[in-house]
Amino acid sequence: MHLKNEFERIVNYATSFGTKSYSYKKQNKYLKQCTSLKEFAIKRGLADAANSFLLLESILIVHKKYLKYYKLIKKNKHEDAWQLIIDVEYLLNRIKPYIYDDFAKFKLDIIEDKNTKIQTLYPYKYFMSTGFTFKNYRCSICGEIVSIHNRCKHKKGHIYNGRWCYWICEDIIDFNHVAVVENPKDKHCIFTKCGGHRFDFSLVDELVVPLKKPYLKWDLRWTKIRHPHEHYENLKETDSCPCESGLLYKDCCMKEAGILRPHVEIDFGQGYQSEPSITKYFSPPKRQPLQGQENTMEGIIMKASS
């Protein structure tokens, strides 16, 4: 088997993402072939070839997950799509140091940019962070126990003969706490409801639903504009101003032409309109303060990650 020729063949396919020559139907076929060739190289101790196929396999997985989460959003499965969005983010961070010079070659720079921006349209602000007691970590490469005083020669996040090195958490004794945080290490753990209601994904839909293909050119820009007072008709003069300045409404935006709120402009490749005939107020869905909401968060989705 000529591994170099097979590798180049799959690379040619992987670099065609987003072009007319790219075939969505062949995605699983090439991914399976890449995985099979990686295992072939591993068994024969061809470390360099195995590492190359592992990285190529990871690139194919990134594109597959990227395409899949757009389909899930269109099917109103935003929570499932979020899991893949975070998967893509973590995978990109893992492989980028190894293929930095070829990052754009595989359109990964485009995916990284879009993946980061689409997260800003999601209503998630608070996440779950769990704490637990366990016996030890074990290295996935050599199987040795990892502790403060005992480290093997392998480094977490590095590649060894076609395998990623990670630490396996063994013998969980008990979960001792669950915290609600804004900037977790793992963004997979989300709430699906607040106050008994599903979160508002209208901003995500405004972007994704009109797109025929995920690789089409689009961009978005966050600004702040004055939103009409009538959008806040139940707001009292003595309420806190929705602009989140910390002042009362009567002492803040009530005196202005509107309430200053975050606003997103979505560009589908035609450029931003400086004076649109119709203004859509794409304000982020209202996020209630955490205080008083602890008991209304429900429907937690949690996903273990290495």
C-alpha atoms as a PDB file:
ATOM      1  CA  MET A   1       0.000   0.000   0.000  1.00  0.00           C
ATOM      2  CA  HIS A   2       1.430   3.399  -1.017  1.00  0.00           C
ATOM      3  CA  LEU A   3       0.579   5.501   2.027  1.00  0.00           C
ATOM      4  CA  LYS A   4       1.956   8.689   0.526  1.00  0.00           C
ATOM      5  CA  ASN A   5      -0.310   8.439  -2.526  1.00  0.00           C
ATOM      6  CA  GLU A   6      -3.323   7.625  -0.360  1.00  0.00           C
ATOM      7  CA  PHE A   7      -2.520  10.521   1.917  1.00  0.00           C
ATOM      8  CA  GLU A   8      -2.299  12.979  -0.976  1.00  0.00           C
ATOM      9  CA  ARG A   9      -5.585  11.697  -2.397  1.00  0.00           C
ATOM     10  CA  ILE A  10      -7.424  12.408   0.874  1.00  0.00           C
ATOM     11  CA  VAL A  11      -5.642  15.760   1.246  1.00  0.00           C
ATOM     12  CA  ASN A  12      -6.924  16.784  -2.200  1.00  0.00           C
ATOM     13  CA  TYR A  13     -10.433  15.981  -1.071  1.00  0.00           C
ATOM     14  CA  ALA A  14     -10.013  17.799   2.265  1.00  0.00           C
ATOM     15  CA  THR A  15      -8.762  20.971   0.556  1.00  0.00           C
ATOM     16  CA  SER A  16     -11.837  21.045  -1.711  1.00  0.00           C
ATOM     17  CA  PHE A  17     -14.191  21.978   1.156  1.00  0.00           C
ATOM     18  CA  GLY A  18     -16.363  24.913   0.197  1.00  0.00           C
ATOM     19  CA  THR A  19     -15.654  24.596  -3.532  1.00  0.00           C
ATOM     20  CA  LYS A  20     -17.837  23.304  -6.328  1.00  0.00           C
ATOM     21  CA  SER A  21     -15.749  20.135  -6.611  1.00  0.00           C
ATOM     22  CA  TYR A  22     -16.418  19.150  -2.995  1.00  0.00           C
ATOM     23  CA  SER A  23     -18.758  16.185  -2.564  1.00  0.00           C
ATOM     24  CA  TYR A  24     -20.778  16.008   0.663  1.00  0.00           C
ATOM     25  CA  LYS A  25     -21.797  12.429  -0.111  1.00  0.00           C
ATOM     26  CA  LYS A  26     -18.191  11.201  -0.012  1.00  0.00           C
ATOM     27  CA  GLN A  27     -17.456  12.705   3.401  1.00  0.00           C
ATOM     28  CA  ASN A  28     -17.973   9.507   5.429  1.00  0.00           C
ATOM     29  CA  LYS A  29     -16.160   7.451   2.796  1.00  0.00           C
ATOM     30  CA  TYR A  30     -12.970   9.519   3.022  1.00  0.00           C
ATOM     31  CA  LEU A  31     -13.159   9.695   6.812  1.00  0.00           C
ATOM     32  CA  LYS A  32     -13.365   5.897   7.098  1.00  0.00           C
ATOM     33  CA  GLN A  33     -10.473   5.478   4.678  1.00  0.00           C
ATOM     34  CA  CYS A  34      -8.356   7.943   6.627  1.00  0.00           C
ATOM     35  CA  THR A  35      -9.066   6.164   9.913  1.00  0.00           C
ATOM     36  CA  SER A  36      -8.262   2.788   8.356  1.00  0.00           C
ATOM     37  CA  LEU A  37      -4.945   4.068   6.975  1.00  0.00           C
ATOM     38  CA  LYS A  38      -4.067   5.579  10.346  1.00  0.00           C
ATOM     39  CA  GLU A  39      -4.629   2.226  12.074  1.00  0.00           C
ATOM     40  CA  PHE A  40      -2.585   0.498   9.351  1.00  0.00           C
ATOM     41  CA  ALA A  41       0.340   2.836  10.029  1.00  0.00           C
ATOM     42  CA  ILE A  42       0.022   2.413  13.804  1.00  0.00           C
ATOM     43  CA  LYS A  43       0.188  -1.380  13.596  1.00  0.00           C
ATOM     44  CA  ARG A  44       3.337  -1.215  11.509  1.00  0.00           C
ATOM     45  CA  GLY A  45       5.024   1.317  13.763  1.00  0.00           C
ATOM     46  CA  LEU A  46       5.082   4.049  11.104  1.00  0.00           C
ATOM     47  CA  ALA A  47       4.774   6.875  13.618  1.00  0.00           C
ATOM     48  CA  ASP A  48       5.161   9.822  11.225  1.00  0.00           C
ATOM     49  CA  ALA A  49       2.562   8.431   8.820  1.00  0.00           C
ATOM     50  CA  ALA A  50       0.200   7.580  11.691  1.00  0.00           C
ATOM     51  CA  ASN A  51       0.486  11.121  13.073  1.00  0.00           C
ATOM     52  CA  SER A  52      -0.177  12.648   9.661  1.00  0.00           C
ATOM     53  CA  PHE A  53      -3.284  10.521   9.154  1.00  0.00           C
ATOM     54  CA  LEU A  54      -4.502  11.378  12.670  1.00  0.00           C
ATOM     55  CA  LEU A  55      -4.306  15.104  11.910  1.00  0.00           C
ATOM     56  CA  LEU A  56      -5.990  14.605   8.537  1.00  0.00           C
ATOM     57  CA  GLU A  57      -8.692  12.534  10.240  1.00  0.00           C
ATOM     58  CA  SER A  58      -9.224  15.369  12.730  1.00  0.00           C
ATOM     59  CA  ILE A  59      -9.572  17.881   9.885  1.00  0.00           C
ATOM     60  CA  LEU A  60     -12.250  15.730   8.251  1.00  0.00           C
ATOM     61  CA  ILE A  61     -14.087  15.418  11.571  1.00  0.00           C
ATOM     62  CA  VAL A  62     -14.043  19.203  12.043  1.00  0.00           C
ATOM     63  CA  HIS A  63     -15.700  19.739   8.678  1.00  0.00           C
ATOM     64  CA  LYS A  64     -18.209  16.969   9.289  1.00  0.00           C
ATOM     65  CA  LYS A  65     -19.273  18.415  12.648  1.00  0.00           C
ATOM     66  CA  TYR A  66     -19.352  21.940  11.185  1.00  0.00           C
ATOM     67  CA  LEU A  67     -21.768  20.876   8.447  1.00  0.00           C
ATOM     68  CA  LYS A  68     -23.855  18.785  10.816  1.00  0.00           C
ATOM     69  CA  TYR A  69     -24.539  21.539  13.325  1.00  0.00           C
ATOM     70  CA  TYR A  70     -25.935  23.790  10.594  1.00  0.00           C
ATOM     71  CA  LYS A  71     -28.374  21.027   9.698  1.00  0.00           C
ATOM     72  CA  LEU A  72     -29.359  20.624  13.360  1.00  0.00           C
ATOM     73  CA  ILE A  73     -30.021  24.349  13.731  1.00  0.00           C
ATOM     74  CA  LYS A  74     -32.301  24.283  10.685  1.00  0.00           C
ATOM     75  CA  LYS A  75     -34.180  21.409  12.363  1.00  0.00           C
ATOM     76  CA  ASN A  76     -34.614  23.519  15.544  1.00  0.00           C
ATOM     77  CA  LYS A  77     -32.201  21.286  17.462  1.00  0.00           C
ATOM     78  CA  HIS A  78     -30.119  24.152  18.790  1.00  0.00           C
ATOM     79  CA  GLU A  79     -29.003  22.394  21.978  1.00  0.00           C
ATOM     80  CA  ASP A  80     -27.575  19.466  20.012  1.00  0.00           C
ATOM     81  CA  ALA A  81     -25.944  21.890  17.583  1.00  0.00           C
ATOM     82  CA  TRP A  82     -24.253  23.691  20.480  1.00  0.00           C
ATOM     83  CA  GLN A  83     -22.514  20.470  21.531  1.00  0.00           C
ATOM     84  CA  LEU A  84     -20.965  20.179  18.058  1.00  0.00           C
ATOM     85  CA  ILE A  85     -20.039  23.870  17.975  1.00  0.00           C
ATOM     86  CA  ILE A  86     -17.981  23.391  21.130  1.00  0.00           C
ATOM     87  CA  ASP A  87     -16.551  20.115  19.777  1.00  0.00           C
ATOM     88  CA  VAL A  88     -15.327  22.021  16.720  1.00  0.00           C
ATOM     89  CA  GLU A  89     -13.783  24.742  18.871  1.00  0.00           C
ATOM     90  CA  TYR A  90     -11.866  22.239  20.995  1.00  0.00           C
ATOM     91  CA  LEU A  91     -10.732  20.213  17.975  1.00  0.00           C
ATOM     92  CA  LEU A  92      -9.453  23.311  16.196  1.00  0.00           C
ATOM     93  CA  ASN A  93      -7.496  24.351  19.288  1.00  0.00           C
ATOM     94  CA  ARG A  94      -6.001  20.869  19.498  1.00  0.00           C
ATOM     95  CA  ILE A  95      -4.807  20.520  15.914  1.00  0.00           C
ATOM     96  CA  LYS A  96      -3.901  24.150  15.110  1.00  0.00           C
ATOM     97  CA  PRO A  97      -0.360  24.029  16.605  1.00  0.00           C
ATOM     98  CA  TYR A  98       0.453  21.029  14.396  1.00  0.00           C
ATOM     99  CA  ILE A  99      -0.838  22.412  11.085  1.00  0.00           C
ATOM    100  CA  TYR A 100      -0.490  26.150  11.652  1.00  0.00           C
ATOM    101  CA  ASP A 101       1.059  26.795   8.229  1.00  0.00           C
ATOM    102  CA  ASP A 102      -1.651  24.761   6.465  1.00  0.00           C
ATOM    103  CA  PHE A 103      -4.570  25.983   8.591  1.00  0.00           C
ATOM    104  CA  ALA A 104      -6.018  28.120   5.777  1.00  0.00           C
ATOM    105  CA  LYS A 105      -5.282  25.443   3.186  1.00  0.00           C
ATOM    106  CA  PHE A 106      -8.006  23.266   4.721  1.00  0.00           C
ATOM    107  CA  LYS A 107     -10.422  26.231   5.214  1.00  0.00           C
ATOM    108  CA  LEU A 108     -10.006  25.861   8.973  1.00  0.00           C
ATOM    109  CA  ASP A 109      -9.420  29.589   9.374  1.00  0.00           C
ATOM    110  CA  ILE A 110     -12.886  30.190   7.924  1.00  0.00           C
ATOM    111  CA  ILE A 111     -14.473  27.597  10.195  1.00  0.00           C
ATOM    112  CA  GLU A 112     -12.682  29.019  13.240  1.00  0.00           C
ATOM    113  CA  ASP A 113     -13.978  32.510  12.457  1.00  0.00           C
ATOM    114  CA  LYS A 114     -17.579  31.403  11.802  1.00  0.00           C
ATOM    115  CA  ASN A 115     -17.600  29.008  14.740  1.00  0.00           C
ATOM    116  CA  THR A 116     -16.541  31.776  17.134  1.00  0.00           C
ATOM    117  CA  LYS A 117     -19.047  34.281  15.767  1.00  0.00           C
ATOM    118  CA  ILE A 118     -22.035  31.941  15.782  1.00  0.00           C
ATOM    119  CA  GLN A 119     -21.479  31.345  19.500  1.00  0.00           C
ATOM    120  CA  THR A 120     -22.152  35.043  20.149  1.00  0.00           C
ATOM    121  CA  LEU A 121     -25.683  34.572  18.785  1.00  0.00           C
ATOM    122  CA  TYR A 122     -26.523  31.829  21.280  1.00  0.00           C
ATOM    123  CA  PRO A 123     -28.326  32.880  24.478  1.00  0.00           C
ATOM    124  CA  TYR A 124     -26.079  30.865  26.788  1.00  0.00           C
ATOM    125  CA  LYS A 125     -24.369  32.901  29.478  1.00  0.00           C
ATOM    126  CA  TYR A 126     -24.268  30.487  32.413  1.00  0.00           C
ATOM    127  CA  PHE A 127     -22.873  26.970  32.387  1.00  0.00           C
ATOM    128  CA  MET A 128     -22.546  24.075  34.790  1.00  0.00           C
ATOM    129  CA  SER A 129     -19.199  23.211  36.321  1.00  0.00           C
ATOM    130  CA  THR A 130     -18.980  20.009  38.349  1.00  0.00           C
ATOM    131  CA  GLY A 131     -16.526  19.034  41.049  1.00  0.00           C
ATOM    132  CA  PHE A 132     -15.793  15.461  42.055  1.00  0.00           C
ATOM    133  CA  THR A 133     -13.333  13.343  43.970  1.00  0.00           C
ATOM    134  CA  PHE A 134     -11.500  10.597  42.129  1.00  0.00           C
ATOM    135  CA  LYS A 135      -8.693   8.170  42.766  1.00  0.00           C
ATOM    136  CA  ASN A 136      -6.225   9.101  40.019  1.00  0.00           C
ATOM    137  CA  TYR A 137      -5.516   9.985  36.405  1.00  0.00           C
ATOM    138  CA  ARG A 138      -3.987   7.519  33.996  1.00  0.00           C
ATOM    139  CA  CYS A 139      -2.073   8.302  30.803  1.00  0.00           C
ATOM    140  CA  SER A 140      -3.899   7.137  27.670  1.00  0.00           C
ATOM    141  CA  ILE A 141      -0.617   6.344  25.909  1.00  0.00           C
ATOM    142  CA  CYS A 142       1.423   4.299  28.395  1.00  0.00           C
ATOM    143  CA  GLY A 143      -1.226   3.512  31.018  1.00  0.00           C
ATOM    144  CA  GLU A 144       0.865   4.862  33.895  1.00  0.00           C
ATOM    145  CA  ILE A 145      -0.766   6.666  36.823  1.00  0.00           C
ATOM    146  CA  VAL A 146      -0.390  10.449  36.611  1.00  0.00           C
ATOM    147  CA  SER A 147      -0.089  12.503  39.794  1.00  0.00           C
ATOM    148  CA  ILE A 148       1.720  15.578  41.118  1.00  0.00           C
ATOM    149  CA  HIS A 149       4.679  13.439  42.151  1.00  0.00           C
ATOM    150  CA  ASN A 150       4.533  10.947  39.300  1.00  0.00           C
ATOM    151  CA  ARG A 151       4.521  12.004  35.650  1.00  0.00           C
ATOM    152  CA  CYS A 152       5.256   9.794  32.681  1.00  0.00           C
ATOM    153  CA  LYS A 153       7.185  11.025  29.654  1.00  0.00           C
ATOM    154  CA  HIS A 154       4.024  11.764  27.652  1.00  0.00           C
ATOM    155  CA  LYS A 155       2.422  15.211  27.557  1.00  0.00           C
ATOM    156  CA  LYS A 156      -1.318  15.730  27.486  1.00  0.00           C
ATOM    157  CA  GLY A 157      -2.530  17.068  24.141  1.00  0.00           C
ATOM    158  CA  HIS A 158       0.482  15.754  22.214  1.00  0.00           C
ATOM    159  CA  ILE A 159       0.484  13.052  19.537  1.00  0.00           C
ATOM    160  CA  TYR A 160       2.266   9.725  19.914  1.00  0.00           C
ATOM    161  CA  ASN A 161       2.208   7.188  17.070  1.00  0.00           C
ATOM    162  CA  GLY A 162      -1.205   8.264  15.777  1.00  0.00           C
ATOM    163  CA  ARG A 163      -2.838   8.736  19.195  1.00  0.00           C
ATOM    164  CA  TRP A 164      -3.722  11.824  21.184  1.00  0.00           C
ATOM    165  CA  CYS A 165      -2.425  11.814  24.732  1.00  0.00           C
ATOM    166  CA  TYR A 166      -5.047  12.541  27.368  1.00  0.00           C
ATOM    167  CA  TRP A 167      -5.574  11.723  31.014  1.00  0.00           C
ATOM    168  CA  ILE A 168      -8.196   9.178  31.951  1.00  0.00           C
ATOM    169  CA  CYS A 169     -10.010   9.959  35.199  1.00  0.00           C
ATOM    170  CA  GLU A 170     -10.362   6.708  37.144  1.00  0.00           C
ATOM    171  CA  ASP A 171     -12.501   5.567  40.064  1.00  0.00           C
ATOM    172  CA  ILE A 172     -14.759   8.546  40.698  1.00  0.00           C
ATOM    173  CA  ILE A 173     -15.624   8.424  44.384  1.00  0.00           C
ATOM    174  CA  ASP A 174     -18.316  11.083  44.573  1.00  0.00           C
ATOM    175  CA  PHE A 175     -19.565  14.345  43.110  1.00  0.00           C
ATOM    176  CA  ASN A 176     -19.050  16.987  45.781  1.00  0.00           C
ATOM    177  CA  HIS A 177     -20.339  20.171  44.165  1.00  0.00           C
ATOM    178  CA  VAL A 178     -21.987  21.745  41.149  1.00  0.00           C
ATOM    179  CA  ALA A 179     -21.354  25.393  40.352  1.00  0.00           C
ATOM    180  CA  VAL A 180     -22.987  27.820  37.930  1.00  0.00           C
ATOM    181  CA  VAL A 181     -20.281  29.801  36.127  1.00  0.00           C
ATOM    182  CA  GLU A 182     -19.935  32.218  33.214  1.00  0.00           C
ATOM    183  CA  ASN A 183     -16.545  31.150  31.857  1.00  0.00           C
ATOM    184  CA  PRO A 184     -16.158  27.391  32.293  1.00  0.00           C
ATOM    185  CA  LYS A 185     -13.300  25.284  31.066  1.00  0.00           C
ATOM    186  CA  ASP A 186     -15.851  23.009  29.405  1.00  0.00           C
ATOM    187  CA  LYS A 187     -18.752  24.770  27.645  1.00  0.00           C
ATOM    188  CA  HIS A 188     -20.597  21.543  26.861  1.00  0.00           C
ATOM    189  CA  CYS A 189     -22.571  21.596  30.125  1.00  0.00           C
ATOM    190  CA  ILE A 190     -25.581  23.826  29.470  1.00  0.00           C
ATOM    191  CA  PHE A 191     -29.068  24.520  30.772  1.00  0.00           C
ATOM    192  CA  THR A 192     -31.880  23.884  28.317  1.00  0.00           C
ATOM    193  CA  LYS A 193     -34.541  25.887  30.132  1.00  0.00           C
ATOM    194  CA  CYS A 194     -34.818  28.937  32.358  1.00  0.00           C
ATOM    195  CA  GLY A 195     -37.991  29.688  34.295  1.00  0.00           C
ATOM    196  CA  GLY A 196     -39.678  26.724  32.628  1.00  0.00           C
ATOM    197  CA  HIS A 197     -39.123  28.087  29.135  1.00  0.00           C
ATOM    198  CA  ARG A 198     -36.738  27.111  26.378  1.00  0.00           C
ATOM    199  CA  PHE A 199     -34.086  29.670  25.538  1.00  0.00           C
ATOM    200  CA  ASP A 200     -34.610  32.071  22.643  1.00  0.00           C
ATOM    201  CA  PHE A 201     -32.596  31.082  19.563  1.00  0.00           C
ATOM    202  CA  SER A 202     -34.078  33.665  17.193  1.00  0.00           C
ATOM    203  CA  LEU A 203     -30.728  35.338  16.543  1.00  0.00           C
ATOM    204  CA  VAL A 204     -29.158  32.026  15.509  1.00  0.00           C
ATOM    205  CA  ASP A 205     -32.086  31.374  13.169  1.00  0.00           C
ATOM    206  CA  GLU A 206     -31.751  34.832  11.594  1.00  0.00           C
ATOM    207  CA  LEU A 207     -28.282  33.830  10.431  1.00  0.00           C
ATOM    208  CA  VAL A 208     -28.551  30.132   9.640  1.00  0.00           C
ATOM    209  CA  VAL A 209     -32.043  29.675   8.171  1.00  0.00           C
ATOM    210  CA  PRO A 210     -31.420  31.903   5.095  1.00  0.00           C
ATOM    211  CA  LEU A 211     -28.110  30.169   4.326  1.00  0.00           C
ATOM    212  CA  LYS A 212     -28.300  27.563   1.574  1.00  0.00           C
ATOM    213  CA  LYS A 213     -24.808  26.277   2.347  1.00  0.00           C
ATOM    214  CA  PRO A 214     -22.650  26.728   5.478  1.00  0.00           C
ATOM    215  CA  TYR A 215     -19.617  27.701   3.374  1.00  0.00           C
ATOM    216  CA  LEU A 216     -21.302  30.709   1.810  1.00  0.00           C
ATOM    217  CA  LYS A 217     -19.769  34.030   2.682  1.00  0.00           C
ATOM    218  CA  TRP A 218     -21.348  35.660   5.720  1.00  0.00           C
ATOM    219  CA  ASP A 219     -20.267  37.868   8.543  1.00  0.00           C
ATOM    220  CA  LEU A 220     -21.734  39.639  11.531  1.00  0.00           C
ATOM    221  CA  ARG A 221     -20.885  42.724  13.485  1.00  0.00           C
ATOM    222  CA  TRP A 222     -21.896  43.588  17.045  1.00  0.00           C
ATOM    223  CA  THR A 223     -22.604  47.230  17.806  1.00  0.00           C
ATOM    224  CA  LYS A 224     -24.934  49.238  20.028  1.00  0.00           C
ATOM    225  CA  ILE A 225     -27.937  51.208  18.817  1.00  0.00           C
ATOM    226  CA  ARG A 226     -30.944  52.965  20.352  1.00  0.00           C
ATOM    227  CA  HIS A 227     -33.918  50.619  20.528  1.00  0.00           C
ATOM    228  CA  PRO A 228     -37.401  52.219  20.530  1.00  0.00           C
ATOM    229  CA  HIS A 229     -38.910  52.881  23.953  1.00  0.00           C
ATOM    230  CA  GLU A 230     -42.113  51.122  22.880  1.00  0.00           C
ATOM    231  CA  HIS A 231     -40.197  47.839  22.862  1.00  0.00           C
ATOM    232  CA  TYR A 232     -40.111  48.191  26.654  1.00  0.00           C
ATOM    233  CA  GLU A 233     -43.666  49.299  27.261  1.00  0.00           C
ATOM    234  CA  ASN A 234     -43.881  47.565  30.676  1.00  0.00           C
ATOM    235  CA  LEU A 235     -40.759  49.293  31.919  1.00  0.00           C
ATOM    236  CA  LYS A 236     -41.265  51.619  34.887  1.00  0.00           C
ATOM    237  CA  GLU A 237     -39.379  54.853  35.451  1.00  0.00           C
ATOM    238  CA  THR A 238     -37.897  53.469  38.660  1.00  0.00           C
ATOM    239  CA  ASP A 239     -36.744  50.187  37.079  1.00  0.00           C
ATOM    240  CA  SER A 240     -33.103  49.595  36.238  1.00  0.00           C
ATOM    241  CA  CYS A 241     -32.332  50.796  32.739  1.00  0.00           C
ATOM    242  CA  PRO A 242     -32.188  47.931  30.191  1.00  0.00           C
ATOM    243  CA  CYS A 243     -28.924  49.346  28.849  1.00  0.00           C
ATOM    244  CA  GLU A 244     -27.336  47.849  31.984  1.00  0.00           C
ATOM    245  CA  SER A 245     -25.656  51.098  33.011  1.00  0.00           C
ATOM    246  CA  GLY A 246     -26.677  50.517  36.636  1.00  0.00           C
ATOM    247  CA  LEU A 247     -28.827  53.666  36.642  1.00  0.00           C
ATOM    248  CA  LEU A 248     -32.583  53.969  36.898  1.00  0.00           C
ATOM    249  CA  TYR A 249     -34.476  54.172  33.631  1.00  0.00           C
ATOM    250  CA  LYS A 250     -35.658  57.727  34.386  1.00  0.00           C
ATOM    251  CA  ASP A 251     -32.072  58.867  34.978  1.00  0.00           C
ATOM    252  CA  CYS A 252     -30.644  57.160  31.922  1.00  0.00           C
ATOM    253  CA  CYS A 253     -32.044  56.180  28.515  1.00  0.00           C
ATOM    254  CA  MET A 254     -35.564  57.510  29.207  1.00  0.00           C
ATOM    255  CA  LYS A 255     -34.197  60.942  28.305  1.00  0.00           C
ATOM    256  CA  GLU A 256     -32.718  59.676  25.047  1.00  0.00           C
ATOM    257  CA  ALA A 257     -34.191  58.786  21.651  1.00  0.00           C
ATOM    258  CA  GLY A 258     -34.146  55.114  22.610  1.00  0.00           C
ATOM    259  CA  ILE A 259     -32.560  52.535  24.875  1.00  0.00           C
ATOM    260  CA  LEU A 260     -28.943  51.764  24.057  1.00  0.00           C
ATOM    261  CA  ARG A 261     -28.707  48.004  23.573  1.00  0.00           C
ATOM    262  CA  PRO A 262     -26.338  45.520  21.895  1.00  0.00           C
ATOM    263  CA  HIS A 263     -27.246  44.991  18.265  1.00  0.00           C
ATOM    264  CA  VAL A 264     -25.981  42.614  15.606  1.00  0.00           C
ATOM    265  CA  GLU A 265     -25.787  43.318  11.905  1.00  0.00           C
ATOM    266  CA  ILE A 266     -25.720  40.214   9.716  1.00  0.00           C
ATOM    267  CA  ASP A 267     -23.989  40.453   6.369  1.00  0.00           C
ATOM    268  CA  PHE A 268     -24.726  37.763   3.781  1.00  0.00           C
ATOM    269  CA  GLY A 269     -22.000  38.947   1.429  1.00  0.00           C
ATOM    270  CA  GLN A 270     -23.771  41.987   0.011  1.00  0.00           C
ATOM    271  CA  GLY A 271     -22.125  44.439   2.416  1.00  0.00           C
ATOM    272  CA  TYR A 272     -23.613  46.369   5.296  1.00  0.00           C
ATOM    273  CA  GLN A 273     -26.382  48.810   4.495  1.00  0.00           C
ATOM    274  CA  SER A 274     -25.674  52.166   6.108  1.00  0.00           C
ATOM    275  CA  GLU A 275     -29.291  53.329   5.806  1.00  0.00           C
ATOM    276  CA  PRO A 276     -31.555  50.280   5.513  1.00  0.00           C
ATOM    277  CA  SER A 277     -35.162  50.960   4.615  1.00  0.00           C
ATOM    278  CA  ILE A 278     -36.283  48.572   7.343  1.00  0.00           C
ATOM    279  CA  THR A 279     -34.444  48.256  10.648  1.00  0.00           C
ATOM    280  CA  LYS A 280     -34.550  44.933  12.445  1.00  0.00           C
ATOM    281  CA  TYR A 281     -33.615  45.216  16.087  1.00  0.00           C
ATOM    282  CA  PHE A 282     -31.430  42.160  16.510  1.00  0.00           C
ATOM    283  CA  SER A 283     -30.936  42.494  20.220  1.00  0.00           C
ATOM    284  CA  PRO A 284     -29.668  39.498  22.192  1.00  0.00           C
ATOM    285  CA  PRO A 285     -32.460  37.701  24.063  1.00  0.00           C
ATOM    286  CA  LYS A 286     -32.943  39.082  27.550  1.00  0.00           C
ATOM    287  CA  ARG A 287     -30.701  37.278  29.991  1.00  0.00           C
ATOM    288  CA  GLN A 288     -32.009  37.375  33.511  1.00  0.00           C
ATOM    289  CA  PRO A 289     -29.505  37.992  36.305  1.00  0.00           C
ATOM    290  CA  LEU A 290     -28.324  34.827  38.015  1.00  0.00           C
ATOM    291  CA  GLN A 291     -29.619  35.973  41.403  1.00  0.00           C
ATOM    292  CA  GLY A 292     -33.075  34.545  41.935  1.00  0.00           C
ATOM    293  CA  GLN A 293     -32.790  32.263  38.895  1.00  0.00           C
ATOM    294  CA  GLU A 294     -30.893  29.372  40.449  1.00  0.00           C
ATOM    295  CA  ASN A 295     -33.992  27.283  40.994  1.00  0.00           C
ATOM    296  CA  THR A 296     -35.422  27.982  37.544  1.00  0.00           C
ATOM    297  CA  MET A 297     -32.518  26.578  35.563  1.00  0.00           C
ATOM    298  CA  GLU A 298     -33.352  23.084  34.408  1.00  0.00           C
ATOM    299  CA  GLY A 299     -32.879  20.435  31.759  1.00  0.00           C
ATOM    300  CA  ILE A 300     -29.121  20.228  32.052  1.00  0.00           C
ATOM    301  CA  ILE A 301     -27.099  18.729  29.215  1.00  0.00           C
ATOM    302  CA  MET A 302     -23.759  17.447  30.410  1.00  0.00           C
ATOM    303  CA  LYS A 303     -21.062  15.858  28.309  1.00  0.00           C
ATOM    304  CA  ALA A 304     -17.829  14.318  29.532  1.00  0.00           C
ATOM    305  CA  SER A 305     -14.715  15.427  27.718  1.00  0.00           C
ATOM    306  CA  SER A 306     -11.129  14.232  27.892  1.00  0.00           C
END
